[in-house]
N, C-alpha and C. Protein backbone atom coordinates (compact mmCIF):
# COMPACT_ATOMS: atom_id res chain seq x y z
N MET A 1 -3.53 -9.39 6.65
CA MET A 1 -2.93 -9.56 7.97
C MET A 1 -3.90 -9.27 9.05
N SER A 2 -3.69 -9.88 10.19
CA SER A 2 -4.60 -9.59 11.31
C SER A 2 -3.94 -8.64 12.24
N GLY A 3 -4.50 -8.51 13.42
CA GLY A 3 -3.98 -7.57 14.34
C GLY A 3 -2.55 -7.69 14.79
N VAL A 4 -1.95 -6.60 15.20
CA VAL A 4 -0.57 -6.56 15.56
C VAL A 4 -0.45 -6.16 17.06
N ALA A 5 0.34 -6.80 17.80
CA ALA A 5 0.60 -6.38 19.20
C ALA A 5 2.07 -6.37 19.51
N ALA A 6 2.46 -5.44 20.37
CA ALA A 6 3.86 -5.36 20.79
C ALA A 6 3.84 -4.84 22.27
N THR A 7 4.73 -5.48 22.99
CA THR A 7 4.88 -5.18 24.44
C THR A 7 6.29 -4.84 24.82
N ALA A 8 6.54 -3.77 25.55
CA ALA A 8 7.80 -3.45 26.02
C ALA A 8 7.78 -3.38 27.55
N THR A 9 8.63 -3.99 28.33
CA THR A 9 8.70 -3.97 29.64
C THR A 9 10.01 -3.43 30.19
N SER A 10 9.97 -2.55 31.21
CA SER A 10 11.20 -2.17 31.88
C SER A 10 10.89 -2.41 33.33
N PRO A 11 11.88 -2.17 34.27
CA PRO A 11 11.70 -2.45 35.67
C PRO A 11 10.48 -1.60 36.25
N CYS A 12 10.22 -0.51 35.66
CA CYS A 12 9.19 0.43 36.25
C CYS A 12 7.86 0.33 35.57
N GLN A 13 7.86 0.01 34.27
CA GLN A 13 6.55 0.12 33.56
C GLN A 13 6.50 -0.85 32.40
N THR A 14 5.20 -1.14 31.94
CA THR A 14 5.05 -1.89 30.80
C THR A 14 4.24 -1.09 29.76
N TRP A 15 4.58 -1.20 28.54
CA TRP A 15 3.91 -0.38 27.44
C TRP A 15 3.38 -1.48 26.49
N ALA A 16 2.18 -1.31 26.00
CA ALA A 16 1.65 -2.18 24.98
C ALA A 16 1.14 -1.37 23.85
N LEU A 17 1.33 -1.83 22.67
CA LEU A 17 0.88 -1.24 21.43
C LEU A 17 0.02 -2.18 20.71
N LEU A 18 -1.19 -1.84 20.46
CA LEU A 18 -2.14 -2.76 19.80
C LEU A 18 -2.62 -2.05 18.63
N GLY A 19 -2.79 -2.77 17.47
CA GLY A 19 -3.23 -2.13 16.23
C GLY A 19 -3.41 -3.14 15.12
N THR A 20 -3.68 -2.57 13.97
CA THR A 20 -3.81 -3.43 12.85
C THR A 20 -2.68 -3.20 11.85
N ALA A 21 -2.17 -4.13 11.35
CA ALA A 21 -1.04 -4.00 10.41
C ALA A 21 -1.62 -3.38 9.01
N PRO A 22 -0.79 -2.48 8.38
CA PRO A 22 -1.25 -1.90 7.17
C PRO A 22 -1.38 -2.95 6.18
N PRO A 23 -2.17 -2.60 5.09
CA PRO A 23 -2.32 -3.56 4.07
C PRO A 23 -1.14 -3.64 3.06
N TYR A 24 -0.95 -4.77 2.44
CA TYR A 24 0.11 -4.94 1.55
C TYR A 24 -0.22 -4.40 0.17
N LEU A 25 0.73 -4.07 -0.63
CA LEU A 25 0.66 -3.72 -2.01
C LEU A 25 1.54 -4.69 -2.78
N ARG A 26 0.83 -5.42 -3.62
CA ARG A 26 1.65 -6.49 -4.39
C ARG A 26 1.92 -6.03 -5.80
N PHE A 27 3.13 -6.20 -6.32
CA PHE A 27 3.62 -5.78 -7.48
C PHE A 27 4.05 -6.96 -8.33
N VAL A 28 3.53 -7.20 -9.52
CA VAL A 28 3.87 -8.23 -10.43
C VAL A 28 4.12 -7.74 -11.78
N PRO A 29 5.43 -7.79 -12.17
CA PRO A 29 5.90 -7.14 -13.42
C PRO A 29 5.46 -8.11 -14.62
N GLY A 30 5.12 -7.40 -15.74
CA GLY A 30 4.78 -8.19 -16.93
C GLY A 30 5.35 -7.51 -18.13
N PRO A 31 5.22 -8.12 -19.33
CA PRO A 31 5.76 -7.68 -20.56
C PRO A 31 5.19 -6.24 -20.96
N ALA A 32 4.02 -6.02 -20.63
CA ALA A 32 3.28 -4.74 -21.11
C ALA A 32 2.98 -3.82 -19.88
N GLY A 33 3.60 -4.05 -18.77
CA GLY A 33 3.30 -3.18 -17.70
C GLY A 33 3.41 -4.01 -16.39
N ALA A 34 2.75 -3.56 -15.35
CA ALA A 34 2.80 -4.22 -14.05
C ALA A 34 1.39 -4.34 -13.49
N ALA A 35 1.09 -5.40 -12.78
CA ALA A 35 -0.15 -5.52 -12.05
C ALA A 35 0.03 -5.21 -10.60
N LEU A 36 -0.79 -4.35 -10.15
CA LEU A 36 -0.74 -3.96 -8.63
C LEU A 36 -1.97 -4.57 -8.03
N SER A 37 -1.88 -5.00 -6.80
CA SER A 37 -3.06 -5.52 -6.16
C SER A 37 -2.89 -5.30 -4.66
N TRP A 38 -4.07 -5.20 -4.03
CA TRP A 38 -4.09 -4.84 -2.48
C TRP A 38 -5.46 -5.43 -2.05
N PRO A 39 -5.63 -5.62 -0.72
CA PRO A 39 -6.86 -6.13 -0.16
C PRO A 39 -8.02 -5.16 -0.47
N ALA A 40 -9.12 -5.89 -0.85
CA ALA A 40 -10.35 -4.97 -1.00
C ALA A 40 -10.88 -4.44 0.27
N SER A 41 -10.48 -4.99 1.36
CA SER A 41 -10.89 -4.46 2.76
C SER A 41 -10.17 -3.20 3.10
N ALA A 42 -9.17 -2.78 2.26
CA ALA A 42 -8.45 -1.50 2.69
C ALA A 42 -9.08 -0.37 2.03
N THR A 43 -10.46 -0.19 2.39
CA THR A 43 -11.27 0.92 1.80
C THR A 43 -10.88 2.28 2.26
N ASP A 44 -10.09 2.44 3.35
CA ASP A 44 -9.72 3.78 3.76
C ASP A 44 -8.28 4.15 3.26
N TYR A 45 -7.77 3.34 2.30
CA TYR A 45 -6.51 3.68 1.76
C TYR A 45 -6.68 4.03 0.28
N SER A 46 -5.77 4.76 -0.21
CA SER A 46 -5.80 5.14 -1.70
C SER A 46 -4.49 4.88 -2.26
N LEU A 47 -4.47 4.41 -3.58
CA LEU A 47 -3.17 4.18 -4.20
C LEU A 47 -2.66 5.45 -4.85
N GLN A 48 -1.32 5.72 -4.58
CA GLN A 48 -0.75 6.92 -5.05
C GLN A 48 0.48 6.62 -5.67
N VAL A 49 0.99 7.60 -6.49
CA VAL A 49 2.23 7.45 -7.35
C VAL A 49 3.07 8.69 -7.22
N ALA A 50 4.38 8.53 -7.35
CA ALA A 50 5.26 9.60 -7.45
C ALA A 50 6.58 9.17 -8.22
N ASP A 51 7.30 10.15 -8.66
CA ASP A 51 8.49 9.86 -9.41
C ASP A 51 9.72 9.69 -8.49
N ARG A 52 9.55 10.03 -7.15
CA ARG A 52 10.69 9.80 -6.21
C ARG A 52 10.08 9.33 -4.84
N LEU A 53 10.88 8.47 -4.18
CA LEU A 53 10.34 7.94 -2.91
C LEU A 53 10.24 8.97 -1.90
N ASP A 54 11.13 9.96 -1.94
CA ASP A 54 11.10 11.07 -0.93
C ASP A 54 10.22 12.24 -1.34
N SER A 55 9.37 12.05 -2.41
CA SER A 55 8.57 13.17 -2.78
C SER A 55 7.53 13.54 -1.81
N VAL A 56 7.28 14.85 -1.83
CA VAL A 56 6.17 15.41 -1.03
C VAL A 56 5.05 15.61 -1.95
N ASN A 57 5.06 15.29 -3.19
CA ASN A 57 4.05 15.41 -4.14
C ASN A 57 3.45 14.19 -4.72
N TRP A 58 3.00 13.29 -3.83
CA TRP A 58 2.40 12.01 -4.23
C TRP A 58 0.99 12.38 -4.78
N GLN A 59 0.58 11.65 -5.98
CA GLN A 59 -0.62 11.94 -6.64
C GLN A 59 -1.42 10.69 -6.62
N PRO A 60 -2.76 10.74 -6.82
CA PRO A 60 -3.62 9.65 -7.01
C PRO A 60 -3.06 8.75 -8.31
N ALA A 61 -3.00 7.50 -8.17
CA ALA A 61 -2.56 6.73 -9.38
C ALA A 61 -3.62 6.74 -10.36
N PRO A 62 -3.19 6.81 -11.63
CA PRO A 62 -4.22 6.78 -12.79
C PRO A 62 -4.82 5.48 -12.89
N GLY A 63 -6.05 5.53 -13.41
CA GLY A 63 -6.83 4.27 -13.57
C GLY A 63 -7.79 3.98 -12.46
N THR A 64 -8.67 3.01 -12.77
CA THR A 64 -9.61 2.59 -11.81
C THR A 64 -9.37 1.24 -11.40
N PRO A 65 -9.13 0.90 -10.12
CA PRO A 65 -8.97 -0.45 -9.69
C PRO A 65 -10.23 -1.33 -9.92
N ILE A 66 -9.90 -2.60 -10.42
CA ILE A 66 -10.98 -3.53 -10.68
C ILE A 66 -11.10 -4.54 -9.54
N PRO A 67 -12.16 -4.54 -8.71
CA PRO A 67 -12.38 -5.47 -7.61
C PRO A 67 -12.53 -6.97 -8.16
N GLU A 68 -11.74 -7.82 -7.68
CA GLU A 68 -11.87 -9.30 -8.07
C GLU A 68 -11.75 -10.07 -6.78
N GLY A 69 -12.90 -10.59 -6.27
CA GLY A 69 -12.86 -11.40 -5.03
C GLY A 69 -12.48 -10.45 -3.87
N ASN A 70 -11.48 -10.79 -3.15
CA ASN A 70 -11.06 -10.04 -1.98
C ASN A 70 -9.91 -9.05 -2.30
N VAL A 71 -9.57 -8.82 -3.51
CA VAL A 71 -8.48 -7.89 -3.82
C VAL A 71 -8.93 -6.83 -4.90
N ASN A 72 -8.22 -5.69 -4.87
CA ASN A 72 -8.36 -4.67 -6.03
C ASN A 72 -7.19 -4.92 -6.82
N ASN A 73 -7.42 -4.84 -8.20
CA ASN A 73 -6.35 -4.90 -9.11
C ASN A 73 -6.29 -3.77 -10.02
N LEU A 74 -5.06 -3.26 -10.44
CA LEU A 74 -4.83 -2.13 -11.26
C LEU A 74 -3.57 -2.51 -12.10
N THR A 75 -3.74 -2.40 -13.47
CA THR A 75 -2.63 -2.54 -14.25
C THR A 75 -2.05 -1.22 -14.72
N VAL A 76 -0.75 -1.03 -14.54
CA VAL A 76 -0.04 0.20 -14.98
C VAL A 76 0.93 -0.06 -16.14
N THR A 77 1.03 0.92 -16.97
CA THR A 77 1.90 0.75 -18.11
C THR A 77 3.23 1.44 -17.81
N PRO A 78 4.31 0.92 -18.44
CA PRO A 78 5.56 1.52 -18.13
C PRO A 78 5.66 3.05 -18.43
N ALA A 79 6.45 3.74 -17.68
CA ALA A 79 6.55 5.20 -17.91
C ALA A 79 8.06 5.36 -18.28
N SER A 80 8.34 6.62 -18.88
CA SER A 80 9.67 6.93 -19.35
C SER A 80 10.62 7.21 -18.14
N THR A 81 9.94 7.52 -17.03
CA THR A 81 10.76 7.87 -15.80
C THR A 81 10.37 6.88 -14.71
N PRO A 82 11.09 6.62 -13.70
CA PRO A 82 10.72 5.80 -12.57
C PRO A 82 9.43 6.15 -11.95
N GLN A 83 8.59 5.13 -11.52
CA GLN A 83 7.44 5.48 -10.76
C GLN A 83 7.42 4.59 -9.46
N TYR A 84 6.94 5.24 -8.44
CA TYR A 84 6.90 4.61 -7.09
C TYR A 84 5.44 4.58 -6.62
N PHE A 85 4.85 3.61 -6.13
CA PHE A 85 3.56 3.43 -5.71
C PHE A 85 3.42 3.13 -4.22
N ARG A 86 2.42 3.64 -3.60
CA ARG A 86 2.16 3.37 -2.14
C ARG A 86 0.68 3.35 -1.88
N LEU A 87 0.29 2.70 -0.91
CA LEU A 87 -1.01 2.81 -0.32
C LEU A 87 -1.07 3.86 0.82
N PHE A 88 -1.92 4.89 0.72
CA PHE A 88 -1.88 5.96 1.70
C PHE A 88 -3.16 6.01 2.48
N LYS A 89 -3.09 6.21 3.76
CA LYS A 89 -4.23 6.41 4.55
C LYS A 89 -4.23 7.82 5.12
N PRO A 90 -5.11 8.71 4.66
CA PRO A 90 -5.15 10.02 5.15
C PRO A 90 -5.28 10.21 6.65
């Protein structure tokens, strides 16, 4: 994704927010696990995993991403409990 811009105007002031949209995390389920991918340009983000979305204890995802073209790919195997993944920028 490219840059993001938003503008809000009131009778007295105008506010503008400029920035870059966060990278996407793609999830493709398969019979032996799931394939996760995200833009290779997201070098300042790390892939994390937790067993709950509201967890305060997110951990680095296991495995090493494989760069392929302009994306990073990581295959994860099913776990006995739910797993949630996110890209995190410190």
